[in-house]
Every structure is written in structure tokens, then in C-alpha cells.
Amino acid sequence: MIPLGFELNLSATEQAVLLVVVGLLATAAAVPASVPLAAVGALRARFRGRGATGNGLWYWLWGTALSWATMIGGYQLELGWWSVPFGWVPGLVAAWVLPPGPPRPLRWEQARRPVGER
């Protein structure tokens, strides 16, 4: 319960509108991390010869969910408004770590067979 100093009486429609607005605000807060991740997903799909739109949307959805989860975790840690930039960190790190280029060849350690399989 939010201590507003008065009782908030909302109808079911008003509650639904409030939830939609809060969801849109949370999505807008996740954009700085989810859009670079969507670009990485689209580039990865394009290099592999698949549809870039669907893969970019998939990466965007998962980046948004990851940002939301991290923002909620930051809020539970009582970071206040710092939970918003804290929520960007996993998405930006994932966009930086995932290589958007063509698939790399396997290294020798990954390609060789175990000793017993000759």
C-alpha cells in the first residue's frame, strides 16, 4: 500500500488503465538496454541468413524482461531511482558480449575428438 494520506478508490477499468500506463513506463525505461540487444539479434540473424525482424523482436523482448527483472531487484534492494540504470546493466553487457558477426570457426580444443574415439 502506498501511503498517500487518502484512500484511492479505483474502478476495474481505472486499475487496468493504471497497469497499462505503468507497463508502458517500465518498457520505456528498459529501452536503453533492450534496443542495442535487439540490434545485435537482428545482425546475428542477418549474418546467419535468417529473418532479422523476428530475431530482433525476440532479443528485444528478452532484453526488456531482463531489464524489468533487474529493475525490480534493484527496487527490492532499496536503490530507489538508481534501480533504473541498474536495470540497464545486464542488457548492455549481453549486447556487448554477444558477437553480432558471422559464426566463428571452432578452436582446436573444441574440434578435436577425445582420445578414445579414433
N, C-alpha and C. Protein backbone atom coordinates (compact mmCIF):
# COMPACT_ATOMS: atom_id res chain seq x y z
N MET A 1 0.85 -1.18 0.00
CA MET A 1 0.00 0.00 0.00
C MET A 1 0.89 1.23 0.00
N ILE A 2 0.57 2.15 -0.86
CA ILE A 2 1.32 3.40 -0.95
C ILE A 2 0.70 4.40 0.03
N PRO A 3 1.48 4.96 0.93
CA PRO A 3 0.92 5.93 1.89
C PRO A 3 0.70 7.29 1.22
N LEU A 4 -0.51 7.50 0.72
CA LEU A 4 -0.84 8.76 0.06
C LEU A 4 -1.50 9.76 1.00
N GLY A 5 -1.99 9.29 2.12
CA GLY A 5 -2.70 10.18 3.03
C GLY A 5 -4.18 10.16 2.78
N PHE A 6 -4.62 9.44 1.76
CA PHE A 6 -6.05 9.31 1.48
C PHE A 6 -6.25 7.95 0.81
N GLU A 7 -7.51 7.51 0.82
CA GLU A 7 -7.82 6.22 0.22
C GLU A 7 -8.06 6.40 -1.28
N LEU A 8 -7.48 5.53 -2.05
CA LEU A 8 -7.59 5.60 -3.50
C LEU A 8 -8.62 4.58 -3.97
N ASN A 9 -9.76 5.05 -4.42
CA ASN A 9 -10.82 4.16 -4.90
C ASN A 9 -10.83 4.18 -6.42
N LEU A 10 -10.43 3.07 -7.02
CA LEU A 10 -10.39 2.98 -8.48
C LEU A 10 -11.31 1.86 -8.94
N SER A 11 -11.99 2.11 -10.05
CA SER A 11 -12.81 1.06 -10.64
C SER A 11 -11.91 0.05 -11.35
N ALA A 12 -12.49 -1.02 -11.83
CA ALA A 12 -11.69 -2.05 -12.52
C ALA A 12 -11.08 -1.49 -13.80
N THR A 13 -11.79 -0.64 -14.50
CA THR A 13 -11.26 -0.04 -15.73
C THR A 13 -10.10 0.89 -15.40
N GLU A 14 -10.23 1.69 -14.37
CA GLU A 14 -9.16 2.60 -13.98
C GLU A 14 -7.92 1.83 -13.52
N GLN A 15 -8.12 0.72 -12.84
CA GLN A 15 -6.99 -0.11 -12.44
C GLN A 15 -6.28 -0.68 -13.66
N ALA A 16 -7.04 -1.13 -14.65
CA ALA A 16 -6.44 -1.66 -15.88
C ALA A 16 -5.65 -0.59 -16.61
N VAL A 17 -6.21 0.62 -16.69
CA VAL A 17 -5.50 1.72 -17.35
C VAL A 17 -4.22 2.05 -16.59
N LEU A 18 -4.29 2.06 -15.28
CA LEU A 18 -3.11 2.34 -14.47
C LEU A 18 -2.02 1.29 -14.69
N LEU A 19 -2.41 0.01 -14.77
CA LEU A 19 -1.44 -1.05 -15.04
C LEU A 19 -0.82 -0.92 -16.42
N VAL A 20 -1.63 -0.53 -17.42
CA VAL A 20 -1.09 -0.33 -18.77
C VAL A 20 -0.08 0.82 -18.78
N VAL A 21 -0.41 1.90 -18.10
CA VAL A 21 0.50 3.05 -18.05
C VAL A 21 1.80 2.68 -17.35
N VAL A 22 1.71 1.97 -16.25
CA VAL A 22 2.92 1.55 -15.53
C VAL A 22 3.75 0.60 -16.40
N GLY A 23 3.10 -0.31 -17.11
CA GLY A 23 3.82 -1.21 -18.02
C GLY A 23 4.51 -0.46 -19.15
N LEU A 24 3.84 0.54 -19.71
CA LEU A 24 4.47 1.33 -20.78
C LEU A 24 5.65 2.15 -20.26
N LEU A 25 5.51 2.68 -19.05
CA LEU A 25 6.63 3.41 -18.45
C LEU A 25 7.82 2.48 -18.18
N ALA A 26 7.54 1.27 -17.73
CA ALA A 26 8.62 0.31 -17.49
C ALA A 26 9.28 -0.11 -18.80
N THR A 27 8.48 -0.25 -19.86
CA THR A 27 9.05 -0.58 -21.17
C THR A 27 9.92 0.57 -21.67
N ALA A 28 9.45 1.79 -21.50
CA ALA A 28 10.24 2.95 -21.91
C ALA A 28 11.53 3.06 -21.10
N ALA A 29 11.48 2.68 -19.83
CA ALA A 29 12.69 2.73 -19.01
C ALA A 29 13.70 1.67 -19.43
N ALA A 30 13.23 0.56 -20.05
CA ALA A 30 14.12 -0.52 -20.46
C ALA A 30 14.71 -0.31 -21.85
N VAL A 31 14.25 0.70 -22.58
CA VAL A 31 14.68 0.91 -23.97
C VAL A 31 16.19 1.08 -24.12
N PRO A 32 16.90 1.84 -23.27
CA PRO A 32 18.34 2.00 -23.49
C PRO A 32 19.13 0.70 -23.47
N ALA A 33 18.62 -0.34 -22.85
CA ALA A 33 19.32 -1.62 -22.84
C ALA A 33 18.74 -2.60 -23.84
N SER A 34 17.44 -2.54 -24.10
CA SER A 34 16.82 -3.54 -24.97
C SER A 34 17.01 -3.24 -26.45
N VAL A 35 17.12 -1.99 -26.84
CA VAL A 35 17.30 -1.67 -28.26
C VAL A 35 18.68 -2.10 -28.77
N PRO A 36 19.78 -1.85 -28.05
CA PRO A 36 21.06 -2.40 -28.54
C PRO A 36 21.06 -3.92 -28.61
N LEU A 37 20.38 -4.58 -27.67
CA LEU A 37 20.29 -6.03 -27.72
C LEU A 37 19.46 -6.49 -28.92
N ALA A 38 18.41 -5.75 -29.27
CA ALA A 38 17.61 -6.07 -30.46
C ALA A 38 18.43 -5.88 -31.73
N ALA A 39 19.27 -4.86 -31.76
CA ALA A 39 20.14 -4.66 -32.93
C ALA A 39 21.13 -5.80 -33.08
N VAL A 40 21.68 -6.27 -31.98
CA VAL A 40 22.59 -7.42 -32.02
C VAL A 40 21.86 -8.65 -32.53
N GLY A 41 20.62 -8.87 -32.06
CA GLY A 41 19.84 -10.01 -32.52
C GLY A 41 19.54 -9.94 -34.00
N ALA A 42 19.20 -8.75 -34.50
CA ALA A 42 18.91 -8.59 -35.93
C ALA A 42 20.17 -8.82 -36.76
N LEU A 43 21.30 -8.31 -36.31
CA LEU A 43 22.56 -8.52 -37.05
C LEU A 43 22.98 -9.98 -37.03
N ARG A 44 22.80 -10.64 -35.90
CA ARG A 44 23.14 -12.07 -35.84
C ARG A 44 22.28 -12.88 -36.80
N ALA A 45 21.00 -12.55 -36.88
CA ALA A 45 20.11 -13.27 -37.80
C ALA A 45 20.47 -12.98 -39.25
N ARG A 46 20.81 -11.76 -39.54
CA ARG A 46 21.16 -11.39 -40.92
C ARG A 46 22.43 -12.11 -41.37
N PHE A 47 23.42 -12.22 -40.49
CA PHE A 47 24.66 -12.91 -40.84
C PHE A 47 24.43 -14.42 -41.01
N ARG A 48 23.44 -14.95 -40.34
CA ARG A 48 23.16 -16.39 -40.45
C ARG A 48 22.10 -16.70 -41.49
N GLY A 49 21.62 -15.68 -42.22
CA GLY A 49 20.68 -15.89 -43.31
C GLY A 49 19.25 -16.12 -42.87
N ARG A 50 18.87 -15.62 -41.72
CA ARG A 50 17.50 -15.77 -41.23
C ARG A 50 16.82 -14.42 -41.18
N GLY A 51 15.54 -14.43 -40.84
CA GLY A 51 14.77 -13.19 -40.75
C GLY A 51 15.24 -12.31 -39.61
N ALA A 52 15.64 -11.10 -39.93
CA ALA A 52 16.18 -10.21 -38.90
C ALA A 52 15.10 -9.62 -38.00
N THR A 53 13.90 -9.43 -38.53
CA THR A 53 12.85 -8.79 -37.74
C THR A 53 12.41 -9.67 -36.57
N GLY A 54 12.15 -10.93 -36.85
CA GLY A 54 11.70 -11.82 -35.78
C GLY A 54 12.76 -12.03 -34.72
N ASN A 55 14.00 -12.20 -35.14
CA ASN A 55 15.08 -12.40 -34.17
C ASN A 55 15.35 -11.12 -33.37
N GLY A 56 15.28 -9.97 -34.04
CA GLY A 56 15.45 -8.70 -33.32
C GLY A 56 14.36 -8.48 -32.30
N LEU A 57 13.10 -8.84 -32.66
CA LEU A 57 12.00 -8.71 -31.71
C LEU A 57 12.17 -9.65 -30.53
N TRP A 58 12.64 -10.87 -30.80
CA TRP A 58 12.88 -11.84 -29.73
C TRP A 58 13.93 -11.33 -28.75
N TYR A 59 15.04 -10.80 -29.27
CA TYR A 59 16.09 -10.26 -28.41
C TYR A 59 15.57 -9.04 -27.65
N TRP A 60 14.73 -8.21 -28.30
CA TRP A 60 14.19 -7.04 -27.62
C TRP A 60 13.30 -7.45 -26.46
N LEU A 61 12.43 -8.46 -26.70
CA LEU A 61 11.55 -8.92 -25.63
C LEU A 61 12.33 -9.47 -24.45
N TRP A 62 13.34 -10.28 -24.73
CA TRP A 62 14.14 -10.84 -23.63
C TRP A 62 14.98 -9.76 -22.95
N GLY A 63 15.46 -8.79 -23.71
CA GLY A 63 16.20 -7.68 -23.10
C GLY A 63 15.31 -6.84 -22.20
N THR A 64 14.06 -6.63 -22.63
CA THR A 64 13.11 -5.88 -21.80
C THR A 64 12.78 -6.66 -20.53
N ALA A 65 12.53 -7.95 -20.67
CA ALA A 65 12.22 -8.77 -19.48
C ALA A 65 13.40 -8.80 -18.51
N LEU A 66 14.61 -8.89 -19.06
CA LEU A 66 15.81 -8.89 -18.21
C LEU A 66 15.96 -7.56 -17.49
N SER A 67 15.70 -6.46 -18.19
CA SER A 67 15.78 -5.14 -17.56
C SER A 67 14.73 -4.98 -16.48
N TRP A 68 13.50 -5.44 -16.77
CA TRP A 68 12.45 -5.35 -15.76
C TRP A 68 12.81 -6.13 -14.51
N ALA A 69 13.30 -7.34 -14.71
CA ALA A 69 13.66 -8.17 -13.55
C ALA A 69 14.76 -7.52 -12.73
N THR A 70 15.73 -6.94 -13.41
CA THR A 70 16.83 -6.30 -12.70
C THR A 70 16.37 -5.02 -12.01
N MET A 71 15.46 -4.28 -12.65
CA MET A 71 14.92 -3.08 -12.01
C MET A 71 14.12 -3.44 -10.75
N ILE A 72 13.34 -4.51 -10.83
CA ILE A 72 12.58 -4.95 -9.66
C ILE A 72 13.53 -5.39 -8.55
N GLY A 73 14.60 -6.10 -8.94
CA GLY A 73 15.61 -6.49 -7.95
C GLY A 73 16.29 -5.29 -7.32
N GLY A 74 16.60 -4.29 -8.14
CA GLY A 74 17.19 -3.06 -7.59
C GLY A 74 16.24 -2.32 -6.67
N TYR A 75 14.95 -2.35 -7.01
CA TYR A 75 13.97 -1.72 -6.14
C TYR A 75 13.87 -2.47 -4.81
N GLN A 76 13.94 -3.81 -4.87
CA GLN A 76 13.90 -4.60 -3.64
C GLN A 76 15.14 -4.37 -2.78
N LEU A 77 16.25 -4.02 -3.43
CA LEU A 77 17.47 -3.68 -2.69
C LEU A 77 17.47 -2.24 -2.20
N GLU A 78 16.34 -1.56 -2.40
CA GLU A 78 16.14 -0.17 -1.97
C GLU A 78 17.13 0.79 -2.62
N LEU A 79 17.33 0.61 -3.94
CA LEU A 79 18.19 1.53 -4.69
C LEU A 79 17.44 2.78 -5.14
N GLY A 80 16.13 2.77 -5.02
CA GLY A 80 15.33 3.93 -5.44
C GLY A 80 15.37 4.08 -6.95
N TRP A 81 15.57 5.32 -7.40
CA TRP A 81 15.62 5.59 -8.84
C TRP A 81 16.88 5.03 -9.49
N TRP A 82 17.87 4.69 -8.69
CA TRP A 82 19.08 4.08 -9.25
C TRP A 82 18.82 2.67 -9.78
N SER A 83 17.66 2.11 -9.45
CA SER A 83 17.34 0.79 -9.99
C SER A 83 17.09 0.83 -11.49
N VAL A 84 16.74 1.99 -12.05
CA VAL A 84 16.51 2.09 -13.50
C VAL A 84 17.83 1.92 -14.26
N PRO A 85 18.88 2.73 -14.00
CA PRO A 85 20.14 2.46 -14.71
C PRO A 85 20.77 1.13 -14.31
N PHE A 86 20.51 0.69 -13.08
CA PHE A 86 20.98 -0.63 -12.66
C PHE A 86 20.34 -1.72 -13.50
N GLY A 87 19.10 -1.50 -13.94
CA GLY A 87 18.41 -2.46 -14.79
C GLY A 87 18.95 -2.53 -16.20
N TRP A 88 19.67 -1.49 -16.63
CA TRP A 88 20.25 -1.49 -17.98
C TRP A 88 21.50 -2.34 -18.07
N VAL A 89 22.17 -2.56 -16.98
CA VAL A 89 23.48 -3.22 -16.99
C VAL A 89 23.45 -4.61 -17.64
N PRO A 90 22.56 -5.54 -17.27
CA PRO A 90 22.61 -6.87 -17.89
C PRO A 90 22.35 -6.85 -19.39
N GLY A 91 21.42 -6.01 -19.85
CA GLY A 91 21.14 -5.93 -21.28
C GLY A 91 22.29 -5.35 -22.07
N LEU A 92 22.92 -4.32 -21.53
CA LEU A 92 24.07 -3.72 -22.22
C LEU A 92 25.27 -4.66 -22.22
N VAL A 93 25.46 -5.39 -21.13
CA VAL A 93 26.56 -6.37 -21.08
C VAL A 93 26.29 -7.50 -22.08
N ALA A 94 25.04 -7.96 -22.16
CA ALA A 94 24.71 -9.02 -23.12
C ALA A 94 24.90 -8.54 -24.55
N ALA A 95 24.54 -7.29 -24.84
CA ALA A 95 24.74 -6.75 -26.19
C ALA A 95 26.23 -6.61 -26.50
N TRP A 96 27.03 -6.36 -25.50
CA TRP A 96 28.46 -6.21 -25.72
C TRP A 96 29.15 -7.57 -25.87
N VAL A 97 28.69 -8.57 -25.13
CA VAL A 97 29.33 -9.89 -25.12
C VAL A 97 28.94 -10.72 -26.35
N LEU A 98 27.68 -10.65 -26.78
CA LEU A 98 27.24 -11.47 -27.91
C LEU A 98 27.82 -10.92 -29.21
N PRO A 99 28.57 -11.72 -29.95
CA PRO A 99 29.16 -11.22 -31.19
C PRO A 99 28.11 -11.15 -32.30
N PRO A 100 27.93 -9.98 -32.94
CA PRO A 100 26.92 -9.88 -33.98
C PRO A 100 27.40 -10.37 -35.34
N GLY A 101 28.68 -10.68 -35.49
CA GLY A 101 29.23 -11.08 -36.77
C GLY A 101 28.92 -12.51 -37.16
N PRO A 102 29.55 -12.96 -38.25
CA PRO A 102 29.33 -14.35 -38.69
C PRO A 102 29.87 -15.33 -37.66
N PRO A 103 29.36 -16.57 -37.67
CA PRO A 103 29.84 -17.55 -36.69
C PRO A 103 31.31 -17.84 -36.89
N ARG A 104 32.02 -17.92 -35.79
CA ARG A 104 33.46 -18.17 -35.85
C ARG A 104 33.73 -19.67 -35.94
N PRO A 105 34.84 -20.05 -36.59
CA PRO A 105 35.17 -21.48 -36.63
C PRO A 105 35.56 -21.97 -35.23
N LEU A 106 35.40 -23.26 -35.04
CA LEU A 106 35.75 -23.84 -33.75
C LEU A 106 37.25 -23.77 -33.52
N ARG A 107 37.62 -23.63 -32.29
CA ARG A 107 39.04 -23.67 -31.94
C ARG A 107 39.51 -25.12 -31.93
N TRP A 108 40.79 -25.32 -31.94
CA TRP A 108 41.34 -26.67 -31.97
C TRP A 108 40.89 -27.49 -30.78
N GLU A 109 40.82 -26.85 -29.61
CA GLU A 109 40.43 -27.58 -28.41
C GLU A 109 38.97 -28.05 -28.50
N GLN A 110 38.14 -27.33 -29.21
CA GLN A 110 36.75 -27.70 -29.32
C GLN A 110 36.52 -28.70 -30.45
N ALA A 111 37.38 -28.71 -31.47
CA ALA A 111 37.15 -29.52 -32.66
C ALA A 111 37.76 -30.92 -32.55
N ARG A 112 38.77 -31.11 -31.74
CA ARG A 112 39.43 -32.42 -31.69
C ARG A 112 38.56 -33.45 -30.96
N ARG A 113 38.72 -34.67 -31.34
CA ARG A 113 37.97 -35.76 -30.74
C ARG A 113 38.69 -36.24 -29.48
N PRO A 114 37.92 -36.78 -28.54
CA PRO A 114 38.58 -37.37 -27.37
C PRO A 114 39.48 -38.55 -27.78
N VAL A 115 40.42 -38.88 -26.92
CA VAL A 115 41.44 -39.87 -27.24
C VAL A 115 40.83 -41.23 -27.56
N GLY A 116 39.79 -41.64 -26.92
CA GLY A 116 39.24 -42.97 -27.12
C GLY A 116 38.45 -43.14 -28.42
N GLU A 117 38.21 -42.10 -29.19
CA GLU A 117 37.36 -42.17 -30.39
C GLU A 117 38.18 -42.09 -31.67
N ARG A 118 39.15 -42.97 -31.88
CA ARG A 118 39.95 -42.90 -33.11
C ARG A 118 39.73 -44.05 -33.99
